Structures are given as C-alpha cells and as structure tokens.
Amino acid sequence: MKLISQLAVVIVSLGAVTAQAQEPNFPHLVTSGYGEVVAKPDMAQFSVKVTETTMNAEQAKAAVDKVIAAFTTQLKSSGVSAQQISSSNLYLAPQYHYPKSGQPELVGYRASRSVTVEVDDVANLNQYLDIALANGINQVDNVQLKVRDEAKYQQQARMAAIEDAKLKARSIAKGFKRNLGGVWRVDYNTMNPQPVMMRAMSMNEKMDASDTYQDATLVIRDRVDVIYKLVD
C-alpha cells in the first residue's frame, strides 16, 4: 500500500509539473480568431429508397429490385457513371398485425432498398430526382449539397481566422497600453464544413427546386487559438 501511495504521489507531481510547463510564466494574451466563407454548392449527394409490401416475400423483393434496376439504368443513360451510384442490400421483413387478443396475424412482407447517388453538377439534381419519381422510388432520405474545391474555401476561412486573431490581439493589447511580443503558442484544429441537408420526404410531396437547393449556400468555418507575449 505504501509503494502504491508513493507512486500515486509521483504521478500527481509529474502531472502538475506538465501542467505548469504548458502554462506561460510571463505576461501574455490569449485570443481566438474566427473565419468563415460562404460558398455556393456545385455538387450534391442524395439518397432515395423504394419500399414495397406484398403478401409474398419473393414478390416484394422482385418489386424493389425492378424499381432499383430501372432507376440506375436510366441514371447511367443520363450520364451518371456506375462509380457514382451505390445500392444498399435488400431489407426484407414480415409485417404483423397485433390484435388486442389472440395471436399476431401476418399481413405481408415489406422489402426496401436504398440508392445513393453522387451528382457532379448540382444543376442536374432535379433531373435525377425526377428520374427517381418516374421509376417508382417512393422516398427521398436526404439531399446533401457540397462544394467541389473545398480545400480552397477552407484555406480562405483559415486565413480569415488568423487575421481575426491578430486584429483582436492588437486591439486588446492597445486597450491595456501594452505591446504584443512574439507568438508563444498556436492551437489549431480544422473545422469541417457543415453540409446543407434537406429533410427526408415522400416522393408524393412537391419539391420546388428553386426553394430548396438552387439558392442554398454552404458556410465553411475555421478557428485558431493564439497566445501572444505581452511586452511594455
């Protein structure tokens, strides 16, 4: 027990030394800079689903397979490559009615499959969704809008965050009648852009493209934390 106690004291002491080593022991200023860039999406990804319920499991499977095959075939004929299309495995499950009394009653089999499509040009998105509707797809799970040159916009947001940190540091130091010395530490973690998402919907609902994705924007944000030395 004594050895364990001594070891615990050593570990705690080392932790305290490490914490002290990370904390500057001179006058300093901690500031955070934020930057954001608004980009117009030029790409998209969408997922759709077909669901069928019949009294026969094989018929339910055949029905969804037929819809998926027709949909993907027409997508390819419209210029979408096979690499841009991914289909999920079949989901098939019995459906039961549960009366207040008595045994559950089998009422059919439900089959479903999903397809995810990468859209190179957001201008074609509405056309591809129309193809889905025309071929029997009955649900849109999501539509995600993207920007092609994400790295360029991320760099712009990062530089804006750096300039914001500098501006804040100069302003605060001036307010306290101090001068900025060198940068002592910089902490940085990339902030991923938030995709523009549309809610899941039935294909029976009206989708007004002009009100949904055509005017959407993608905000790319970044942040940097800086510790400056303060001098007289």
Foldseek 3Di string as FASTA:
>chain_A
DVVVVVVVVVVVVVVVVVVVVVDDPAAKDKFKFKFKDKAAFFKKKWKFKFKDWDADQVVRVVVQVQLVVQLVVVVVVVPFDPVQKDKDDKDKDWDWDDDPDDDIHTDTMMIMMMMMGIGNGVVCVVVSLVSSVVSRTWKIAKMWTHHDPVVVRQVVRVVNRVVRRVVVVCVVCVVVVWDWDAWDDKDFDADAWDIQMDHMDTSVDDDDPVPGRNPDITMGMTMMMTMTGIHD
